[in-house]
Amino acid sequence: MTKQSGLTLIEVLIASLILFMVLGVAASFFQQQVLVQRQSQRYVQLAAQQNNILNRIQFSFREGVNEGEIIVGNSKYNWKATAVVKRSQYGGAGEGFSTQSSRIVTLYNIEVQGETASANYQFRLVRWNDKAV
């Protein structure tokens, strides 16, 4: 009798099962990494968008505007500054002020509302105004 060389059907099925299990784990890992990458890209885009919005609000705020609307990409944001604390400080000659001036320091709470609830946030800014007495 001659001995036949090769694989039996059981050996091929077991090898196929192991191969498909490894491929399934690899595909699952790859899919998870793609999801994490997309989420990371979204966070980076939102951070850049928030930075852009913050810079535009700060510019308008320095110009004396206390509310407005900003459009970034396809999103619209409304913002409003509300005075939280307002204090007057009289300057002396040693502080760089003449004795006839005062400095008004106002702390503002800035609320930004986007089109979705997740786009809403707030921060604080300070405005100094020198006024002659």
N, C-alpha and C. Protein backbone atom coordinates (compact mmCIF):
# COMPACT_ATOMS: atom_id res chain seq x y z
N MET A 1 0.81 -1.16 0.00
CA MET A 1 0.00 0.00 0.00
C MET A 1 0.87 1.25 0.00
N THR A 2 0.41 2.20 -0.78
CA THR A 2 1.16 3.45 -0.83
C THR A 2 0.53 4.45 0.14
N LYS A 3 1.40 5.15 0.78
CA LYS A 3 0.92 6.16 1.74
C LYS A 3 0.69 7.47 0.97
N GLN A 4 -0.49 8.03 1.10
CA GLN A 4 -0.80 9.28 0.42
C GLN A 4 -0.38 10.45 1.30
N SER A 5 0.22 11.43 0.67
CA SER A 5 0.60 12.62 1.43
C SER A 5 -0.43 13.72 1.15
N GLY A 6 -0.62 14.60 2.12
CA GLY A 6 -1.59 15.68 1.98
C GLY A 6 -2.33 15.90 3.27
N LEU A 7 -3.29 16.75 3.21
CA LEU A 7 -4.06 17.11 4.41
C LEU A 7 -5.43 16.48 4.35
N THR A 8 -5.89 16.09 5.51
CA THR A 8 -7.25 15.56 5.58
C THR A 8 -8.23 16.72 5.64
N LEU A 9 -9.46 16.40 5.41
CA LEU A 9 -10.51 17.42 5.43
C LEU A 9 -10.59 18.09 6.81
N ILE A 10 -10.44 17.38 7.86
CA ILE A 10 -10.49 17.94 9.24
C ILE A 10 -9.36 18.93 9.44
N GLU A 11 -8.17 18.60 8.98
CA GLU A 11 -7.03 19.51 9.13
C GLU A 11 -7.26 20.80 8.36
N VAL A 12 -7.81 20.72 7.17
CA VAL A 12 -8.10 21.91 6.37
C VAL A 12 -9.17 22.76 7.06
N LEU A 13 -10.20 22.12 7.60
CA LEU A 13 -11.26 22.87 8.30
C LEU A 13 -10.72 23.57 9.55
N ILE A 14 -9.89 22.91 10.32
CA ILE A 14 -9.31 23.52 11.52
C ILE A 14 -8.40 24.68 11.14
N ALA A 15 -7.58 24.51 10.12
CA ALA A 15 -6.69 25.60 9.66
C ALA A 15 -7.51 26.78 9.16
N SER A 16 -8.59 26.51 8.43
CA SER A 16 -9.47 27.58 7.94
C SER A 16 -10.13 28.31 9.09
N LEU A 17 -10.59 27.56 10.09
CA LEU A 17 -11.22 28.17 11.26
C LEU A 17 -10.25 29.10 11.98
N ILE A 18 -9.03 28.65 12.19
CA ILE A 18 -8.02 29.49 12.84
C ILE A 18 -7.72 30.73 12.00
N LEU A 19 -7.59 30.56 10.70
CA LEU A 19 -7.33 31.70 9.80
C LEU A 19 -8.45 32.73 9.88
N PHE A 20 -9.70 32.29 9.82
CA PHE A 20 -10.83 33.21 9.86
C PHE A 20 -10.96 33.91 11.23
N MET A 21 -10.60 33.20 12.29
CA MET A 21 -10.63 33.84 13.61
C MET A 21 -9.58 34.95 13.69
N VAL A 22 -8.39 34.70 13.19
CA VAL A 22 -7.33 35.72 13.18
C VAL A 22 -7.75 36.90 12.31
N LEU A 23 -8.32 36.62 11.14
CA LEU A 23 -8.79 37.69 10.26
C LEU A 23 -9.92 38.50 10.90
N GLY A 24 -10.81 37.83 11.64
CA GLY A 24 -11.89 38.53 12.33
C GLY A 24 -11.37 39.47 13.41
N VAL A 25 -10.40 38.99 14.18
CA VAL A 25 -9.79 39.85 15.22
C VAL A 25 -9.08 41.03 14.57
N ALA A 26 -8.34 40.80 13.50
CA ALA A 26 -7.62 41.87 12.82
C ALA A 26 -8.60 42.89 12.23
N ALA A 27 -9.68 42.42 11.63
CA ALA A 27 -10.68 43.33 11.06
C ALA A 27 -11.35 44.16 12.15
N SER A 28 -11.65 43.54 13.27
CA SER A 28 -12.26 44.26 14.39
C SER A 28 -11.32 45.34 14.92
N PHE A 29 -10.04 45.00 15.06
CA PHE A 29 -9.04 45.96 15.52
C PHE A 29 -8.93 47.12 14.52
N PHE A 30 -8.87 46.81 13.24
CA PHE A 30 -8.78 47.84 12.20
C PHE A 30 -10.00 48.76 12.22
N GLN A 31 -11.19 48.18 12.35
CA GLN A 31 -12.41 48.97 12.39
C GLN A 31 -12.41 49.91 13.61
N GLN A 32 -11.98 49.42 14.75
CA GLN A 32 -11.91 50.24 15.96
C GLN A 32 -10.93 51.39 15.77
N GLN A 33 -9.79 51.14 15.14
CA GLN A 33 -8.80 52.18 14.91
C GLN A 33 -9.33 53.25 13.94
N VAL A 34 -10.09 52.85 12.96
CA VAL A 34 -10.69 53.82 12.03
C VAL A 34 -11.68 54.71 12.78
N LEU A 35 -12.49 54.13 13.66
CA LEU A 35 -13.44 54.92 14.45
C LEU A 35 -12.71 55.90 15.37
N VAL A 36 -11.65 55.45 16.02
CA VAL A 36 -10.88 56.33 16.91
C VAL A 36 -10.24 57.46 16.11
N GLN A 37 -9.74 57.16 14.92
CA GLN A 37 -9.13 58.19 14.09
C GLN A 37 -10.17 59.23 13.66
N ARG A 38 -11.35 58.79 13.27
CA ARG A 38 -12.40 59.74 12.88
C ARG A 38 -12.81 60.62 14.05
N GLN A 39 -12.93 60.02 15.23
CA GLN A 39 -13.29 60.79 16.41
C GLN A 39 -12.20 61.80 16.75
N SER A 40 -10.95 61.40 16.64
CA SER A 40 -9.83 62.31 16.91
C SER A 40 -9.82 63.47 15.91
N GLN A 41 -10.07 63.17 14.66
CA GLN A 41 -10.14 64.23 13.65
C GLN A 41 -11.25 65.22 13.97
N ARG A 42 -12.39 64.72 14.42
CA ARG A 42 -13.51 65.59 14.78
C ARG A 42 -13.15 66.48 15.96
N TYR A 43 -12.46 65.92 16.96
CA TYR A 43 -12.03 66.73 18.10
C TYR A 43 -11.05 67.82 17.68
N VAL A 44 -10.14 67.48 16.79
CA VAL A 44 -9.17 68.47 16.31
C VAL A 44 -9.89 69.57 15.53
N GLN A 45 -10.85 69.21 14.70
CA GLN A 45 -11.61 70.21 13.96
C GLN A 45 -12.40 71.11 14.90
N LEU A 46 -13.03 70.52 15.92
CA LEU A 46 -13.78 71.32 16.88
C LEU A 46 -12.88 72.25 17.66
N ALA A 47 -11.70 71.79 18.04
CA ALA A 47 -10.76 72.64 18.77
C ALA A 47 -10.31 73.81 17.91
N ALA A 48 -10.02 73.56 16.65
CA ALA A 48 -9.63 74.64 15.73
C ALA A 48 -10.79 75.60 15.53
N GLN A 49 -11.99 75.06 15.41
CA GLN A 49 -13.18 75.89 15.24
C GLN A 49 -13.42 76.75 16.48
N GLN A 50 -13.28 76.17 17.66
CA GLN A 50 -13.46 76.94 18.89
C GLN A 50 -12.40 78.02 19.02
N ASN A 51 -11.18 77.71 18.63
CA ASN A 51 -10.12 78.72 18.68
C ASN A 51 -10.43 79.87 17.73
N ASN A 52 -10.93 79.57 16.55
CA ASN A 52 -11.33 80.59 15.58
C ASN A 52 -12.46 81.45 16.14
N ILE A 53 -13.45 80.81 16.73
CA ILE A 53 -14.59 81.53 17.32
C ILE A 53 -14.11 82.43 18.45
N LEU A 54 -13.26 81.90 19.33
CA LEU A 54 -12.74 82.67 20.46
C LEU A 54 -11.97 83.89 19.97
N ASN A 55 -11.12 83.74 18.97
CA ASN A 55 -10.36 84.88 18.45
C ASN A 55 -11.27 85.94 17.85
N ARG A 56 -12.30 85.52 17.13
CA ARG A 56 -13.22 86.48 16.53
C ARG A 56 -14.04 87.21 17.59
N ILE A 57 -14.46 86.49 18.64
CA ILE A 57 -15.20 87.12 19.73
C ILE A 57 -14.31 88.11 20.47
N GLN A 58 -13.06 87.72 20.76
CA GLN A 58 -12.14 88.61 21.46
C GLN A 58 -11.89 89.88 20.65
N PHE A 59 -11.74 89.75 19.34
CA PHE A 59 -11.54 90.93 18.49
C PHE A 59 -12.75 91.85 18.56
N SER A 60 -13.94 91.29 18.40
CA SER A 60 -15.16 92.11 18.47
C SER A 60 -15.32 92.73 19.85
N PHE A 61 -14.99 91.96 20.87
CA PHE A 61 -15.12 92.43 22.26
C PHE A 61 -14.19 93.61 22.51
N ARG A 62 -12.95 93.55 22.00
CA ARG A 62 -12.02 94.66 22.16
C ARG A 62 -12.50 95.92 21.43
N GLU A 63 -13.28 95.71 20.38
CA GLU A 63 -13.83 96.84 19.63
C GLU A 63 -15.05 97.45 20.32
N GLY A 64 -15.49 96.85 21.43
CA GLY A 64 -16.62 97.38 22.18
C GLY A 64 -17.95 96.71 21.90
N VAL A 65 -17.95 95.66 21.10
CA VAL A 65 -19.18 94.94 20.77
C VAL A 65 -19.44 93.92 21.88
N ASN A 66 -20.69 93.85 22.38
CA ASN A 66 -21.02 92.95 23.48
C ASN A 66 -21.86 91.75 23.06
N GLU A 67 -22.24 91.66 21.80
CA GLU A 67 -22.96 90.48 21.32
C GLU A 67 -22.87 90.44 19.81
N GLY A 68 -23.09 89.24 19.27
CA GLY A 68 -23.01 89.13 17.82
C GLY A 68 -23.26 87.72 17.35
N GLU A 69 -23.03 87.55 16.05
CA GLU A 69 -23.23 86.27 15.40
C GLU A 69 -21.99 85.95 14.58
N ILE A 70 -21.56 84.71 14.67
CA ILE A 70 -20.37 84.27 13.94
C ILE A 70 -20.74 83.03 13.14
N ILE A 71 -20.32 83.01 11.89
CA ILE A 71 -20.53 81.84 11.04
C ILE A 71 -19.17 81.25 10.72
N VAL A 72 -18.98 80.00 11.12
CA VAL A 72 -17.74 79.28 10.87
C VAL A 72 -18.11 78.00 10.14
N GLY A 73 -17.63 77.89 8.92
CA GLY A 73 -17.99 76.72 8.10
C GLY A 73 -19.48 76.73 7.83
N ASN A 74 -20.16 75.66 8.20
CA ASN A 74 -21.61 75.58 8.03
C ASN A 74 -22.36 75.84 9.33
N SER A 75 -21.64 76.23 10.37
CA SER A 75 -22.26 76.41 11.68
C SER A 75 -22.38 77.88 12.04
N LYS A 76 -23.49 78.20 12.69
CA LYS A 76 -23.74 79.58 13.12
C LYS A 76 -23.73 79.60 14.65
N TYR A 77 -23.02 80.60 15.21
CA TYR A 77 -22.92 80.76 16.65
C TYR A 77 -23.35 82.17 17.04
N ASN A 78 -24.16 82.27 18.08
CA ASN A 78 -24.53 83.56 18.65
C ASN A 78 -23.81 83.69 19.98
N TRP A 79 -23.31 84.88 20.26
CA TRP A 79 -22.62 85.10 21.52
C TRP A 79 -23.10 86.40 22.17
N LYS A 80 -23.00 86.43 23.48
CA LYS A 80 -23.43 87.60 24.24
C LYS A 80 -22.55 87.72 25.48
N ALA A 81 -22.10 88.96 25.74
CA ALA A 81 -21.28 89.25 26.91
C ALA A 81 -22.14 89.94 27.96
N THR A 82 -22.10 89.42 29.18
CA THR A 82 -22.85 89.98 30.30
C THR A 82 -21.87 90.37 31.39
N ALA A 83 -21.96 91.61 31.87
CA ALA A 83 -21.07 92.08 32.93
C ALA A 83 -21.37 91.34 34.22
N VAL A 84 -20.34 90.76 34.82
CA VAL A 84 -20.50 90.03 36.07
C VAL A 84 -20.06 90.89 37.24
N VAL A 85 -18.88 91.48 37.13
CA VAL A 85 -18.33 92.33 38.19
C VAL A 85 -17.77 93.58 37.53
N LYS A 86 -18.06 94.74 38.13
CA LYS A 86 -17.56 96.01 37.62
C LYS A 86 -17.00 96.79 38.80
N ARG A 87 -15.73 97.16 38.69
CA ARG A 87 -15.08 97.89 39.78
C ARG A 87 -14.34 99.09 39.23
N SER A 88 -14.33 100.12 40.03
CA SER A 88 -13.60 101.33 39.67
C SER A 88 -12.37 101.43 40.57
N GLN A 89 -11.24 101.75 39.97
CA GLN A 89 -10.01 101.87 40.73
C GLN A 89 -9.38 103.21 40.37
N TYR A 90 -9.12 104.02 41.39
CA TYR A 90 -8.48 105.30 41.14
C TYR A 90 -6.98 105.10 41.15
N GLY A 91 -6.35 105.63 40.15
CA GLY A 91 -4.90 105.46 40.03
C GLY A 91 -4.16 106.61 40.66
N GLY A 92 -3.06 106.29 41.27
CA GLY A 92 -2.18 107.31 41.82
C GLY A 92 -1.03 107.55 40.86
N ALA A 93 -0.24 108.58 41.14
CA ALA A 93 0.87 108.93 40.25
C ALA A 93 1.89 107.80 40.18
N GLY A 94 2.05 107.03 41.25
CA GLY A 94 3.02 105.95 41.27
C GLY A 94 2.58 104.74 40.46
N GLU A 95 1.31 104.65 40.11
CA GLU A 95 0.80 103.50 39.37
C GLU A 95 0.70 103.75 37.87
N GLY A 96 1.22 104.87 37.41
CA GLY A 96 1.17 105.15 35.99
C GLY A 96 -0.07 105.92 35.57
N PHE A 97 -0.91 106.30 36.52
CA PHE A 97 -2.10 107.08 36.22
C PHE A 97 -1.91 108.48 36.77
N SER A 98 -2.55 109.44 36.13
CA SER A 98 -2.58 110.76 36.74
C SER A 98 -3.58 110.70 37.88
N THR A 99 -3.53 111.65 38.76
CA THR A 99 -4.44 111.64 39.90
C THR A 99 -5.86 111.96 39.47
N GLN A 100 -6.04 112.38 38.23
CA GLN A 100 -7.37 112.74 37.73
C GLN A 100 -7.96 111.64 36.85
N SER A 101 -7.50 110.42 36.96
CA SER A 101 -8.06 109.34 36.13
C SER A 101 -8.46 108.17 37.01
N SER A 102 -9.36 107.39 36.48
CA SER A 102 -9.74 106.17 37.15
C SER A 102 -9.78 105.05 36.12
N ARG A 103 -9.64 103.87 36.60
CA ARG A 103 -9.68 102.71 35.72
C ARG A 103 -10.89 101.88 36.12
N ILE A 104 -11.73 101.58 35.15
CA ILE A 104 -12.89 100.73 35.39
C ILE A 104 -12.55 99.34 34.86
N VAL A 105 -12.62 98.36 35.74
CA VAL A 105 -12.33 96.98 35.39
C VAL A 105 -13.65 96.22 35.43
N THR A 106 -13.99 95.56 34.31
CA THR A 106 -15.24 94.83 34.23
C THR A 106 -14.95 93.39 33.80
N LEU A 107 -15.50 92.45 34.56
CA LEU A 107 -15.40 91.04 34.23
C LEU A 107 -16.69 90.64 33.50
N TYR A 108 -16.55 90.06 32.32
CA TYR A 108 -17.70 89.66 31.52
C TYR A 108 -17.76 88.14 31.41
N ASN A 109 -18.97 87.63 31.45
CA ASN A 109 -19.23 86.22 31.16
C ASN A 109 -19.71 86.16 29.71
N ILE A 110 -19.01 85.43 28.88
CA ILE A 110 -19.36 85.32 27.46
C ILE A 110 -20.04 83.97 27.25
N GLU A 111 -21.27 84.00 26.77
CA GLU A 111 -22.00 82.76 26.45
C GLU A 111 -22.07 82.61 24.94
N VAL A 112 -21.69 81.44 24.48
CA VAL A 112 -21.71 81.13 23.05
C VAL A 112 -22.72 80.01 22.84
N GLN A 113 -23.68 80.25 21.95
CA GLN A 113 -24.70 79.24 21.66
C GLN A 113 -24.60 78.85 20.19
N GLY A 114 -24.42 77.55 19.98
CA GLY A 114 -24.36 77.02 18.63
C GLY A 114 -25.71 76.44 18.23
N GLU A 115 -25.71 75.81 17.09
CA GLU A 115 -26.96 75.23 16.58
C GLU A 115 -27.35 73.97 17.34
N THR A 116 -26.39 73.32 18.00
CA THR A 116 -26.69 72.14 18.79
C THR A 116 -26.29 72.40 20.23
N ALA A 117 -26.85 71.62 21.14
CA ALA A 117 -26.55 71.80 22.56
C ALA A 117 -25.09 71.50 22.87
N SER A 118 -24.48 70.60 22.12
CA SER A 118 -23.08 70.26 22.37
C SER A 118 -22.13 71.39 21.94
N ALA A 119 -22.64 72.34 21.17
CA ALA A 119 -21.81 73.46 20.70
C ALA A 119 -21.91 74.67 21.62
N ASN A 120 -22.61 74.57 22.73
CA ASN A 120 -22.74 75.68 23.67
C ASN A 120 -21.62 75.64 24.69
N TYR A 121 -21.05 76.80 24.96
CA TYR A 121 -20.03 76.90 26.00
C TYR A 121 -19.95 78.35 26.46
N GLN A 122 -19.16 78.57 27.51
CA GLN A 122 -18.99 79.92 28.03
C GLN A 122 -17.57 80.10 28.56
N PHE A 123 -17.14 81.36 28.60
CA PHE A 123 -15.84 81.70 29.14
C PHE A 123 -15.91 83.14 29.65
N ARG A 124 -14.84 83.62 30.26
CA ARG A 124 -14.84 84.97 30.84
C ARG A 124 -13.71 85.81 30.24
N LEU A 125 -14.00 87.09 30.09
CA LEU A 125 -13.02 88.07 29.62
C LEU A 125 -13.07 89.30 30.51
N VAL A 126 -11.96 90.03 30.55
CA VAL A 126 -11.88 91.26 31.34
C VAL A 126 -11.66 92.42 30.39
N ARG A 127 -12.34 93.53 30.68
CA ARG A 127 -12.16 94.76 29.90
C ARG A 127 -11.76 95.88 30.87
N TRP A 128 -10.69 96.60 30.51
CA TRP A 128 -10.26 97.75 31.29
C TRP A 128 -10.57 99.01 30.48
N ASN A 129 -11.11 100.00 31.16
CA ASN A 129 -11.38 101.29 30.54
C ASN A 129 -10.80 102.38 31.42
N ASP A 130 -9.98 103.25 30.83
CA ASP A 130 -9.46 104.41 31.54
C ASP A 130 -10.38 105.58 31.27
N LYS A 131 -10.82 106.23 32.33
CA LYS A 131 -11.72 107.37 32.18
C LYS A 131 -11.18 108.55 32.97
N ALA A 132 -11.29 109.71 32.41
CA ALA A 132 -10.89 110.93 33.13
C ALA A 132 -11.98 111.30 34.11
N VAL A 133 -11.58 111.79 35.30
CA VAL A 133 -12.55 112.16 36.33
C VAL A 133 -12.84 113.63 36.23
